Every structure is written in C-alpha cells, then in structure tokens.
N, C-alpha and C. Protein backbone atom coordinates (compact mmCIF):
# COMPACT_ATOMS: atom_id res chain seq x y z
N UNK A 1 0.83 -1.15 0.02
CA UNK A 1 -0.02 -0.27 -0.01
C UNK A 1 0.69 1.37 -0.06
N UNK A 2 0.11 2.22 -0.72
CA UNK A 2 1.48 3.42 -0.93
C UNK A 2 1.39 4.29 0.58
N UNK A 3 2.31 5.02 0.93
CA UNK A 3 2.70 5.55 1.84
C UNK A 3 1.72 6.65 2.01
N UNK A 4 1.30 7.38 1.35
CA UNK A 4 0.05 8.28 1.13
C UNK A 4 -1.07 8.37 1.27
N UNK A 5 -1.53 6.72 0.82
CA UNK A 5 -3.00 5.85 1.08
C UNK A 5 -2.84 5.60 2.51
N UNK A 6 -1.77 5.13 2.93
CA UNK A 6 -2.11 4.50 4.36
C UNK A 6 -1.95 5.96 5.57
N UNK A 7 -1.23 6.91 4.98
CA UNK A 7 -1.62 8.58 5.62
C UNK A 7 -2.52 9.00 5.81
N UNK A 8 -3.80 8.88 4.13
CA UNK A 8 -4.59 9.02 4.50
C UNK A 8 -5.91 8.06 5.58
N UNK A 9 -5.35 7.07 5.39
CA UNK A 9 -6.44 6.14 6.54
C UNK A 9 -6.13 6.66 7.79
N UNK A 10 -4.97 6.56 8.38
CA UNK A 10 -4.68 7.04 9.51
C UNK A 10 -5.22 8.30 10.14
N UNK A 11 -5.35 9.13 9.07
CA UNK A 11 -5.58 10.50 9.06
C UNK A 11 -7.36 10.47 9.25
N UNK A 12 -7.97 9.94 8.25
CA UNK A 12 -9.48 9.87 8.24
C UNK A 12 -10.12 9.08 9.46
N UNK A 13 -9.20 8.20 10.00
CA UNK A 13 -9.71 6.90 11.44
C UNK A 13 -9.69 8.02 12.30
N UNK A 14 -8.07 8.80 12.46
CA UNK A 14 -7.93 9.85 13.85
C UNK A 14 -9.23 10.86 13.86
N UNK A 15 -9.75 11.35 12.52
CA UNK A 15 -10.59 12.43 12.33
C UNK A 15 -11.77 12.23 13.24
N UNK A 16 -12.40 10.93 12.72
CA UNK A 16 -13.50 10.23 13.22
C UNK A 16 -12.99 10.04 14.55
N UNK A 17 -12.10 9.40 15.04
CA UNK A 17 -11.93 9.40 16.52
C UNK A 17 -12.23 10.58 17.19
N UNK A 18 -11.36 11.93 16.92
CA UNK A 18 -11.69 12.98 17.70
C UNK A 18 -13.24 13.61 17.17
N UNK A 19 -13.72 13.35 16.27
CA UNK A 19 -15.28 13.69 16.60
C UNK A 19 -15.83 13.15 17.23
N UNK A 20 -15.72 11.52 17.27
CA UNK A 20 -16.40 10.74 18.57
C UNK A 20 -16.08 10.96 20.11
N UNK A 21 -14.78 11.39 20.48
CA UNK A 21 -14.19 11.83 21.61
C UNK A 21 -14.71 13.06 21.43
N UNK A 22 -15.27 14.34 21.28
CA UNK A 22 -15.69 15.34 21.56
C UNK A 22 -16.93 15.11 21.38
N UNK A 23 -17.65 14.67 20.67
CA UNK A 23 -19.32 14.26 20.85
C UNK A 23 -19.28 13.62 22.48
N UNK A 24 -18.87 12.59 22.77
CA UNK A 24 -18.64 11.81 24.27
C UNK A 24 -18.28 12.73 24.99
N UNK A 25 -17.47 13.36 25.14
CA UNK A 25 -17.57 14.45 25.98
C UNK A 25 -18.18 15.38 26.20
N UNK A 26 -18.73 16.13 25.29
CA UNK A 26 -19.77 16.58 25.40
C UNK A 26 -21.22 15.92 26.09
N UNK A 27 -21.56 15.01 25.69
CA UNK A 27 -22.54 13.95 26.13
C UNK A 27 -22.61 13.54 27.52
N UNK A 28 -21.31 13.39 28.11
CA UNK A 28 -21.16 13.26 29.67
C UNK A 28 -21.02 14.92 30.08
N UNK A 29 -21.01 15.80 29.63
CA UNK A 29 -20.85 16.86 30.26
C UNK A 29 -22.03 17.70 30.51
N UNK A 30 -23.09 17.79 29.31
CA UNK A 30 -24.00 18.35 29.26
C UNK A 30 -25.37 17.85 28.84
N UNK A 31 -25.33 16.48 28.44
CA UNK A 31 -26.50 15.43 28.12
C UNK A 31 -26.79 15.12 29.49
N UNK A 32 -26.00 13.87 30.31
CA UNK A 32 -25.05 13.13 31.47
C UNK A 32 -24.61 13.95 32.25
N UNK A 33 -25.04 14.93 32.76
CA UNK A 33 -24.12 15.70 34.06
C UNK A 33 -23.63 14.59 35.20
N UNK A 34 -22.47 15.23 35.63
CA UNK A 34 -22.45 13.84 37.17
C UNK A 34 -23.78 14.07 37.89
N UNK A 35 -24.00 13.17 38.97
CA UNK A 35 -24.94 12.87 39.27
C UNK A 35 -26.27 12.70 38.67
N UNK A 36 -26.30 12.24 37.64
CA UNK A 36 -27.64 11.47 36.58
C UNK A 36 -27.38 9.88 36.99
N UNK A 37 -26.41 10.09 36.95
CA UNK A 37 -26.23 8.11 37.07
C UNK A 37 -27.42 7.32 36.78
N UNK A 38 -27.88 6.59 37.52
CA UNK A 38 -28.81 5.54 36.53
C UNK A 38 -29.72 5.99 36.48
N UNK A 39 -30.01 7.36 36.39
CA UNK A 39 -31.69 8.02 36.32
C UNK A 39 -32.05 8.22 34.86
N UNK A 40 -30.91 8.56 34.18
CA UNK A 40 -30.70 8.85 32.81
C UNK A 40 -29.79 7.75 31.82
N UNK A 41 -30.17 7.49 30.59
CA UNK A 41 -29.84 7.06 29.77
C UNK A 41 -29.75 7.51 28.14
N UNK A 42 -28.83 6.93 27.79
CA UNK A 42 -28.97 7.02 25.91
C UNK A 42 -28.46 6.32 25.58
N UNK A 43 -29.93 5.27 24.60
CA UNK A 43 -29.57 4.30 23.81
C UNK A 43 -29.01 2.65 24.88
N UNK A 44 -29.73 3.37 26.40
CA UNK A 44 -29.32 2.11 27.41
C UNK A 44 -28.48 2.46 28.08
N UNK A 45 -27.37 3.34 27.97
CA UNK A 45 -26.35 3.47 28.38
C UNK A 45 -26.42 4.57 29.39
N UNK A 46 -25.67 4.53 30.51
CA UNK A 46 -25.64 5.65 31.65
C UNK A 46 -24.45 6.44 31.47
N UNK A 47 -24.30 7.53 32.39
CA UNK A 47 -23.17 8.40 32.31
C UNK A 47 -21.80 7.76 32.19
N UNK A 48 -21.79 6.55 32.79
CA UNK A 48 -20.74 5.82 33.10
C UNK A 48 -19.94 4.88 32.47
N UNK A 49 -21.26 4.17 31.77
CA UNK A 49 -21.23 3.43 30.72
C UNK A 49 -20.46 4.39 29.33
N UNK A 50 -21.10 5.68 29.04
CA UNK A 50 -20.51 6.26 27.80
C UNK A 50 -19.22 7.01 28.12
N UNK A 51 -19.06 7.23 29.27
CA UNK A 51 -17.75 7.21 30.17
C UNK A 51 -16.53 6.14 29.98
N UNK A 52 -17.28 5.12 29.82
CA UNK A 52 -16.10 3.87 29.27
C UNK A 52 -15.87 3.82 27.90
N UNK A 53 -16.77 4.15 26.95
CA UNK A 53 -16.33 4.60 25.73
C UNK A 53 -15.63 5.75 25.06
N UNK A 54 -15.82 6.42 26.24
CA UNK A 54 -15.24 7.82 25.78
C UNK A 54 -13.25 7.34 26.10
N UNK A 55 -13.27 6.39 27.47
CA UNK A 55 -11.68 6.50 27.56
C UNK A 55 -11.11 5.48 26.17
N UNK A 56 -11.63 4.50 26.04
CA UNK A 56 -11.50 3.37 24.96
C UNK A 56 -11.61 4.26 23.55
N UNK A 57 -12.23 5.43 23.07
CA UNK A 57 -11.74 6.44 21.77
C UNK A 57 -10.56 6.60 21.87
N UNK A 58 -10.46 7.40 23.50
CA UNK A 58 -9.45 8.35 23.45
C UNK A 58 -7.88 7.42 23.35
N UNK A 59 -8.37 5.97 24.02
CA UNK A 59 -6.88 5.13 23.91
C UNK A 59 -6.48 5.04 22.31
N UNK A 60 -8.35 4.69 21.81
CA UNK A 60 -7.49 4.44 20.20
C UNK A 60 -7.31 5.56 19.24
N UNK A 61 -7.42 6.50 19.75
CA UNK A 61 -7.09 8.64 19.05
C UNK A 61 -5.71 8.32 19.18
N UNK A 62 -5.47 8.14 20.45
CA UNK A 62 -3.80 8.45 20.79
C UNK A 62 -3.07 7.28 19.87
N UNK A 63 -3.77 6.25 19.56
CA UNK A 63 -2.99 5.37 19.07
C UNK A 63 -2.41 5.30 17.51
N UNK A 64 -3.71 6.41 17.08
CA UNK A 64 -3.49 6.88 15.78
C UNK A 64 -2.64 7.70 15.61
N UNK A 65 -2.46 8.77 16.94
CA UNK A 65 -1.71 9.83 16.83
C UNK A 65 -0.18 9.64 16.74
N UNK A 66 0.52 8.48 17.60
CA UNK A 66 1.47 8.00 17.82
C UNK A 66 1.69 7.26 16.09
N UNK A 67 0.67 6.53 15.60
CA UNK A 67 1.16 6.08 14.57
C UNK A 67 1.34 7.02 13.26
N UNK A 68 0.69 8.11 13.07
CA UNK A 68 0.94 8.94 12.71
C UNK A 68 2.05 10.05 12.73
N UNK A 69 2.44 9.92 14.03
CA UNK A 69 3.88 10.61 13.90
C UNK A 69 5.06 9.47 13.49
N UNK A 70 4.83 8.20 13.44
CA UNK A 70 5.56 7.27 13.12
C UNK A 70 5.77 7.34 11.43
N UNK A 71 4.62 7.58 10.84
CA UNK A 71 4.58 7.71 9.49
C UNK A 71 5.46 8.87 9.00
N UNK A 72 5.52 10.05 9.52
CA UNK A 72 5.63 11.42 9.23
C UNK A 72 7.32 11.45 9.80
N UNK A 73 7.70 10.50 10.84
CA UNK A 73 9.01 10.53 11.47
C UNK A 73 10.23 11.14 10.84
N UNK A 74 10.22 10.32 9.47
CA UNK A 74 11.38 10.94 8.20
C UNK A 74 11.62 12.45 8.36
N UNK A 75 9.97 13.52 7.82
CA UNK A 75 10.26 14.15 7.63
C UNK A 75 10.17 15.18 9.07
N UNK A 76 10.01 14.80 10.53
CA UNK A 76 10.39 15.17 12.16
C UNK A 76 11.60 15.41 11.91
N UNK A 77 12.53 14.25 11.36
CA UNK A 77 14.20 14.12 11.72
C UNK A 77 14.31 14.84 10.98
N UNK A 78 13.89 15.57 9.54
CA UNK A 78 14.96 15.87 8.67
C UNK A 78 14.59 17.70 8.82
N UNK A 79 13.26 17.78 9.79
CA UNK A 79 12.90 19.16 10.27
C UNK A 79 13.81 19.62 11.38
N UNK A 80 14.38 19.14 12.01
CA UNK A 80 14.67 18.84 12.96
C UNK A 80 16.76 19.03 12.64
N UNK A 81 17.20 18.01 12.15
CA UNK A 81 18.33 18.25 11.56
C UNK A 81 18.92 18.66 10.24
N UNK A 82 17.80 19.33 9.70
CA UNK A 82 18.14 19.90 8.39
C UNK A 82 19.43 21.22 8.52
N UNK A 83 19.41 22.00 7.62
CA UNK A 83 20.48 22.89 7.35
C UNK A 83 20.01 23.66 8.00
N UNK A 84 20.79 24.41 9.19
CA UNK A 84 20.31 25.47 10.03
C UNK A 84 20.15 26.50 9.64
N UNK A 85 19.04 27.20 9.90
CA UNK A 85 18.42 28.34 9.51
C UNK A 85 18.35 29.69 10.20
N UNK A 86 18.34 30.64 9.93
CA UNK A 86 18.79 31.95 11.25
C UNK A 86 16.79 30.87 11.96
N UNK A 87 17.52 31.23 13.14
CA UNK A 87 16.11 31.34 14.08
C UNK A 87 15.63 29.86 14.24
N UNK A 88 16.38 28.83 13.34
CA UNK A 88 15.90 27.63 13.49
C UNK A 88 16.43 26.96 15.05
N UNK A 89 17.55 27.28 15.31
CA UNK A 89 17.45 26.61 16.61
C UNK A 89 16.79 26.91 17.59
N UNK A 90 16.20 28.46 17.89
CA UNK A 90 15.43 28.74 18.48
C UNK A 90 13.88 27.97 18.90
N UNK A 91 13.84 27.87 17.13
CA UNK A 91 11.93 27.37 17.26
C UNK A 91 12.17 25.65 17.75
N UNK A 92 13.67 25.07 17.43
CA UNK A 92 13.83 23.98 17.57
C UNK A 92 13.49 23.55 19.26
N UNK A 93 14.54 24.43 19.97
CA UNK A 93 14.24 24.45 21.62
C UNK A 93 12.93 24.64 21.89
N UNK A 94 12.50 25.89 21.22
CA UNK A 94 11.06 26.03 21.63
C UNK A 94 10.21 24.88 21.61
N UNK A 95 10.35 24.12 20.78
CA UNK A 95 9.28 22.67 20.33
C UNK A 95 9.63 21.86 21.35
N UNK A 96 10.94 21.48 21.93
CA UNK A 96 11.40 20.76 22.68
C UNK A 96 10.53 21.14 24.12
N UNK A 97 10.88 22.12 24.22
CA UNK A 97 10.51 22.89 26.09
C UNK A 97 9.36 22.95 25.50
N UNK A 98 8.20 23.20 24.24
CA UNK A 98 6.69 22.65 24.71
C UNK A 98 6.63 21.49 25.18
N UNK A 99 6.93 20.49 23.82
CA UNK A 99 6.75 19.01 23.91
C UNK A 99 6.83 18.56 25.99
N UNK A 100 8.16 19.26 26.42
CA UNK A 100 8.51 18.54 27.64
C UNK A 100 7.33 19.09 28.71
N UNK A 101 7.19 20.43 28.77
CA UNK A 101 5.57 21.01 29.32
C UNK A 101 4.62 20.21 29.29
N UNK A 102 4.02 19.72 27.85
CA UNK A 102 2.61 19.09 27.58
C UNK A 102 2.92 17.99 28.58
N UNK A 103 4.10 17.46 28.02
CA UNK A 103 3.83 15.92 28.87
C UNK A 103 3.95 16.08 30.03
N UNK A 104 4.49 16.80 31.17
CA UNK A 104 4.54 17.36 32.29
C UNK A 104 3.38 17.76 32.73
N UNK A 105 2.48 18.27 31.61
CA UNK A 105 1.05 18.73 32.25
C UNK A 105 0.00 17.88 32.48
N UNK A 106 0.38 16.93 31.00
CA UNK A 106 -0.30 15.75 31.04
C UNK A 106 -0.48 14.68 32.31
N UNK A 107 0.57 14.45 32.44
CA UNK A 107 1.15 13.13 33.40
C UNK A 107 1.19 13.60 35.21
N UNK A 108 1.16 15.20 35.31
CA UNK A 108 0.57 15.78 36.80
C UNK A 108 -0.40 15.24 37.47
N UNK A 109 -1.46 14.98 36.64
CA UNK A 109 -2.83 14.58 37.74
C UNK A 109 -2.61 13.25 37.57
N UNK A 110 -1.73 12.51 37.15
CA UNK A 110 -2.10 10.90 37.25
C UNK A 110 -0.80 10.87 38.33
N UNK A 111 -0.13 11.50 39.02
CA UNK A 111 0.91 11.12 40.09
C UNK A 111 0.65 12.62 41.18
N UNK A 112 -0.26 12.99 41.08
CA UNK A 112 -1.13 13.94 42.12
C UNK A 112 -1.86 12.71 43.36
N UNK A 113 -1.92 13.39 44.53
CA UNK A 113 -2.73 12.61 45.61
C UNK A 113 -3.81 12.68 45.44
N UNK A 114 -4.89 11.74 45.88
CA UNK A 114 -6.09 12.14 45.96
C UNK A 114 -6.86 12.31 47.05
N UNK A 115 -7.55 13.84 46.39
CA UNK A 115 -8.24 14.08 47.83
C UNK A 115 -9.88 13.66 47.90
N UNK A 116 -10.28 13.24 49.19
CA UNK A 116 -11.53 12.60 49.47
C UNK A 116 -12.17 14.25 50.01
N UNK A 117 -13.03 14.11 49.55
CA UNK A 117 -13.93 15.16 50.39
C UNK A 117 -15.13 15.20 49.95
N UNK A 118 -16.19 15.71 51.37
CA UNK A 118 -17.72 15.14 51.19
C UNK A 118 -18.49 15.93 49.76
N UNK A 119 -18.05 17.13 49.59
CA UNK A 119 -18.85 18.08 48.43
C UNK A 119 -17.75 17.85 47.16
N UNK A 120 -18.20 18.34 46.07
CA UNK A 120 -17.04 18.47 44.93
C UNK A 120 -17.29 20.09 45.31
N UNK A 121 -15.98 20.64 44.10
CA UNK A 121 -16.32 22.10 44.30
C UNK A 121 -17.11 22.77 43.62
N UNK A 122 -17.76 21.93 42.53
CA UNK A 122 -19.04 22.22 41.59
C UNK A 122 -20.40 22.42 42.71
N UNK A 123 -20.52 21.31 44.25
CA UNK A 123 -21.94 21.48 45.02
C UNK A 123 -21.61 20.24 44.85
N UNK A 124 -21.50 18.83 44.18
CA UNK A 124 -22.36 17.91 43.87
C UNK A 124 -21.59 16.96 45.13
N UNK A 125 -22.85 16.08 46.01
CA UNK A 125 -22.44 15.47 47.16
C UNK A 125 -21.64 14.65 46.32
N UNK A 126 -20.72 13.72 46.47
CA UNK A 126 -19.34 13.12 46.31
C UNK A 126 -20.14 12.01 47.11
N UNK A 127 -20.38 11.74 48.24
CA UNK A 127 -20.47 10.78 49.49
C UNK A 127 -21.08 9.94 49.88
N UNK A 128 -20.97 9.13 49.87
CA UNK A 128 -22.10 8.24 50.26
C UNK A 128 -21.97 7.78 51.98
N UNK A 129 -21.50 8.95 52.85
CA UNK A 129 -21.06 8.44 53.72
C UNK A 129 -22.33 9.15 54.72
N UNK A 130 -22.18 8.06 55.55
CA UNK A 130 -23.84 7.96 56.34
C UNK A 130 -23.43 9.37 58.01
N UNK A 131 -24.31 10.27 58.16
CA UNK A 131 -24.67 11.50 59.17
C UNK A 131 -25.70 10.67 59.93
N UNK A 132 -25.07 10.04 60.75
CA UNK A 132 -25.93 9.35 61.42
C UNK A 132 -27.38 8.90 60.95
N UNK A 133 -26.82 7.69 60.60
CA UNK A 133 -27.80 6.98 60.09
C UNK A 133 -29.05 7.38 58.38
N UNK A 134 -28.13 8.54 58.12
CA UNK A 134 -29.05 9.24 57.11
C UNK A 134 -28.25 9.61 55.85
N UNK A 135 -28.54 8.80 54.84
CA UNK A 135 -27.84 8.78 53.61
C UNK A 135 -28.81 9.57 52.37
N UNK A 136 -27.95 10.53 51.93
CA UNK A 136 -28.51 11.30 50.91
C UNK A 136 -27.38 11.67 50.09
N UNK A 137 -27.83 11.70 48.74
CA UNK A 137 -26.69 12.58 47.72
C UNK A 137 -27.85 13.75 46.93
N UNK A 138 -26.61 14.74 46.31
CA UNK A 138 -27.19 15.41 45.62
C UNK A 138 -27.77 15.03 44.52
N UNK A 139 -27.45 13.81 44.36
CA UNK A 139 -28.41 13.61 43.10
C UNK A 139 -29.38 12.94 43.15
N UNK A 140 -30.07 12.74 44.24
CA UNK A 140 -31.60 12.39 44.51
C UNK A 140 -32.25 13.68 44.50
N UNK A 141 -33.55 13.16 44.20
CA UNK A 141 -34.47 14.47 44.06
C UNK A 141 -35.25 14.30 45.64
N UNK A 142 -36.08 15.48 46.17
CA UNK A 142 -36.22 15.31 46.75
C UNK A 142 -37.51 14.37 47.29
N UNK A 143 -38.29 13.76 46.03
CA UNK A 143 -39.13 12.78 46.38
C UNK A 143 -38.85 11.47 46.62
N UNK A 144 -37.37 11.45 46.47
CA UNK A 144 -36.10 9.97 45.94
C UNK A 144 -35.97 10.08 47.83
N UNK A 145 -35.34 11.41 48.28
CA UNK A 145 -34.84 11.72 49.99
C UNK A 145 -36.45 11.18 50.81
N UNK A 146 -37.40 11.78 50.37
CA UNK A 146 -38.57 11.50 50.96
C UNK A 146 -38.80 9.88 51.27
N UNK A 147 -38.23 9.22 50.39
CA UNK A 147 -38.99 8.01 50.07
C UNK A 147 -37.67 7.16 50.98
N UNK A 148 -36.65 7.75 51.03
CA UNK A 148 -35.51 6.77 51.18
C UNK A 148 -35.09 6.94 52.83
N UNK A 149 -35.95 8.55 53.71
CA UNK A 149 -35.80 8.75 55.00
C UNK A 149 -37.06 8.37 55.26
N UNK A 150 -38.39 9.06 54.97
CA UNK A 150 -39.32 8.69 55.35
C UNK A 150 -39.70 10.36 55.88
N UNK A 151 -39.02 11.16 55.92
CA UNK A 151 -39.16 12.04 55.69
C UNK A 151 -39.78 13.50 54.89
N UNK A 152 -40.71 14.06 55.48
CA UNK A 152 -41.53 14.62 54.33
C UNK A 152 -41.01 15.70 53.19
N UNK A 153 -41.21 15.66 51.86
CA UNK A 153 -40.35 16.51 50.96
C UNK A 153 -40.72 18.02 51.55
N UNK A 154 -42.14 18.25 51.70
CA UNK A 154 -42.76 19.55 51.84
C UNK A 154 -41.32 20.22 53.57
N UNK A 155 -41.69 19.25 54.39
CA UNK A 155 -41.01 19.32 55.49
C UNK A 155 -39.45 20.08 55.11
N UNK A 156 -38.84 19.05 54.72
CA UNK A 156 -37.31 19.76 54.26
C UNK A 156 -37.62 20.64 53.31
N UNK A 157 -38.11 20.76 52.17
CA UNK A 157 -38.31 22.48 51.73
C UNK A 157 -38.77 23.53 52.42
N UNK A 158 -39.75 23.48 53.49
CA UNK A 158 -39.65 24.15 54.86
C UNK A 158 -38.42 24.31 55.58
N UNK A 159 -38.24 23.49 55.91
CA UNK A 159 -36.70 23.69 56.88
C UNK A 159 -35.66 24.14 56.23
N UNK A 160 -35.29 24.24 54.71
CA UNK A 160 -34.22 24.57 53.90
C UNK A 160 -34.52 26.43 53.37
N UNK A 161 -35.83 26.60 53.72
CA UNK A 161 -36.46 28.35 53.14
C UNK A 161 -36.53 28.02 51.83
N UNK A 162 -36.92 27.30 51.19
CA UNK A 162 -37.31 26.91 50.07
C UNK A 162 -38.14 27.58 49.39
N UNK A 163 -38.88 27.98 48.01
CA UNK A 163 -40.00 28.52 47.93
C UNK A 163 -40.94 27.34 47.70
N UNK A 164 -41.90 27.92 48.24
CA UNK A 164 -43.06 26.58 47.90
C UNK A 164 -43.65 26.03 47.35
N UNK A 165 -43.04 26.85 45.68
CA UNK A 165 -43.41 26.13 44.22
C UNK A 165 -42.68 25.21 43.90
N UNK A 166 -41.09 24.88 45.04
CA UNK A 166 -40.20 23.88 44.49
C UNK A 166 -40.99 22.72 44.47
N UNK A 167 -40.32 22.23 43.17
CA UNK A 167 -41.22 20.50 42.97
C UNK A 167 -40.37 19.44 43.31
N UNK A 168 -41.12 18.30 43.88
CA UNK A 168 -40.29 17.13 44.42
C UNK A 168 -39.69 16.49 43.74
N UNK A 169 -39.44 17.00 42.36
CA UNK A 169 -38.51 16.17 41.44
C UNK A 169 -37.30 17.01 41.18
N UNK A 170 -37.33 17.97 41.76
CA UNK A 170 -36.03 18.65 41.61
C UNK A 170 -34.76 17.82 42.48
N UNK A 171 -33.71 17.78 41.76
CA UNK A 171 -32.39 17.01 42.27
C UNK A 171 -32.22 18.03 43.66
N UNK A 172 -31.49 17.51 45.12
CA UNK A 172 -30.71 18.25 45.74
C UNK A 172 -29.79 19.17 45.41
N UNK A 173 -28.73 18.32 44.16
CA UNK A 173 -27.58 19.23 44.09
C UNK A 173 -27.91 20.47 43.15
N UNK A 174 -28.94 20.46 42.34
CA UNK A 174 -29.35 21.33 41.61
C UNK A 174 -29.70 22.53 42.88
N UNK A 175 -30.42 22.36 43.58
CA UNK A 175 -31.09 23.57 44.40
C UNK A 175 -30.46 23.94 45.41
N UNK A 176 -29.42 22.52 46.03
CA UNK A 176 -28.02 23.04 46.30
C UNK A 176 -27.13 24.47 46.00
N UNK A 177 -27.54 24.06 44.92
CA UNK A 177 -26.05 24.98 44.14
C UNK A 177 -27.06 26.61 43.95
N UNK A 178 -28.51 26.62 43.48
CA UNK A 178 -29.41 27.50 43.66
C UNK A 178 -29.34 28.69 45.02
N UNK A 179 -29.41 27.73 45.89
CA UNK A 179 -30.12 28.36 47.29
C UNK A 179 -28.90 28.28 48.06
N UNK A 180 -27.58 27.69 48.13
CA UNK A 180 -26.66 27.78 48.82
C UNK A 180 -26.65 26.94 50.59
N UNK A 181 -27.41 26.16 50.40
CA UNK A 181 -27.36 25.02 51.90
C UNK A 181 -26.12 23.73 51.31
N UNK A 182 -26.15 23.15 52.13
CA UNK A 182 -25.47 22.10 52.70
C UNK A 182 -26.16 20.43 52.36
N UNK A 183 -25.13 19.74 51.65
CA UNK A 183 -25.85 18.24 52.24
C UNK A 183 -25.93 17.75 53.88
N UNK A 184 -25.11 18.81 54.19
CA UNK A 184 -25.06 17.98 55.84
C UNK A 184 -26.29 18.94 56.56
N UNK A 185 -26.66 20.21 56.09
CA UNK A 185 -28.29 20.84 56.35
C UNK A 185 -29.16 19.74 56.23
N UNK A 186 -29.21 19.52 54.89
CA UNK A 186 -30.38 18.33 54.34
C UNK A 186 -30.51 17.01 55.35
N UNK A 187 -29.31 16.71 55.79
CA UNK A 187 -28.70 15.50 57.17
C UNK A 187 -29.55 16.27 58.07
N UNK A 188 -29.13 17.18 58.68
CA UNK A 188 -29.69 17.44 59.69
C UNK A 188 -30.97 17.50 60.37
N UNK A 189 -31.57 18.13 59.12
CA UNK A 189 -33.06 18.49 59.17
C UNK A 189 -33.61 17.12 59.10
N UNK A 190 -32.93 15.96 58.44
CA UNK A 190 -33.68 14.65 58.08
C UNK A 190 -33.67 14.13 59.87
N UNK A 191 -32.16 13.93 60.43
CA UNK A 191 -31.75 13.62 61.62
C UNK A 191 -33.45 14.36 62.77
N UNK A 192 -33.13 16.04 62.51
CA UNK A 192 -33.99 16.37 63.53
C UNK A 192 -35.53 16.05 63.38
N UNK A 193 -35.96 15.84 62.00
CA UNK A 193 -37.46 15.47 62.28
C UNK A 193 -37.56 13.87 62.67
N UNK A 194 -36.32 13.16 62.78
CA UNK A 194 -36.69 11.74 62.94
C UNK A 194 -36.80 11.48 64.51
N UNK A 195 -35.49 12.61 65.22
CA UNK A 195 -35.90 12.51 66.83
C UNK A 195 -36.78 13.00 67.10
N UNK A 196 -37.86 14.05 66.41
CA UNK A 196 -39.19 14.78 67.16
C UNK A 196 -40.07 13.64 66.99
N UNK A 197 -40.25 12.61 65.91
CA UNK A 197 -41.51 11.91 65.52
C UNK A 197 -41.14 10.35 65.76
C-alpha cells in the first residue's frame, strides 16, 4: 500500500476518533451530567458506560496519533536535523520545551495525591457517608429523599427555606447550587425530624 494512502487512512480514522471523542465528552458534560447516575440513559447506556466508551476512544485516538507521528518520522527528523537557518535553533528549542511541558502537564494529575471530600467544588455531593444513619446524595430528588428517609419533602423544603413552588422532582444538588445550603444541612433536617417523630 502506498504511503500516501496509508497516511490518508490513518488521518481519516483519527479525525473520526476526534469527532467521537468530542461528542462523547459533550454528552457526558451537558446531556448526562455528573449526578445523573442511573436515572438517565441514552441508547440504554448511562453516564458511566458512556465514560467507558469515551476512555476507549481516547486510547484508540492516542494510538492513531502515535502512528501518524511514526509515519511522518523521517520528515520530523529532517526538520530537526536539516540545514540550520536563521532562528531554527530557537524554534527547535522552543518545540522541545513545549513538548516537555505538555508531557509534564498531562502526567501531573496521574501523579498527584487523591483528595477525599464530602462535596465537590461544583457543589455536588460525592459521598455516601452516613451522617447519623441518614444517607442522601446531591443526585437524589426531594421525592427520592422522602422515600429513602421517610421525611416529607414538604418538611425539607420548609426547613431549607426553599420557595413553596419547589417541585419534589428537583435534584438536591441543583437546589443546593441555587439556594446555597449544604448536604449536611439536609441530613441535619432529616435527623431533627426523626428525633421529633
């Protein structure tokens, strides 16, 4: 097979991989956001299953990029070792520094320590930590919290000082972002209700 045809095939498949990688990323970020868990699916796949697909597409895409570089290796070597021109040493040095910085930046999260918190910076509850035998998550709706704890959703709405028009199908995490309460506030309200009744 001609080298130009092989280049075209790798480039076309890499472009398709990039499109799918972008699509699955947008899907997980905006269509099936964090906290949607098992409640939302597309084509029978939930957010985590789409995340697996996103991961494997990224692995294939990375492999295709490596193959692309290998197919163009002679050109890269000629560019680096070719006849020196004015400013070529600076450009080569800048390119090397850029590649090293890119590699360091991409590897840094893999080498960083993992921090465990009860809530993410975006306000979504990440824990399944029991707080006095009360287990609620930001991904739960008020109605689901009512069913799980036996505490009426109306009582939670009242104690959190939410508008009376608040729907029971609204997620606690979304309400938390809008009204500024914490998941521990919700747990305390539930515990207080249980102690009284």
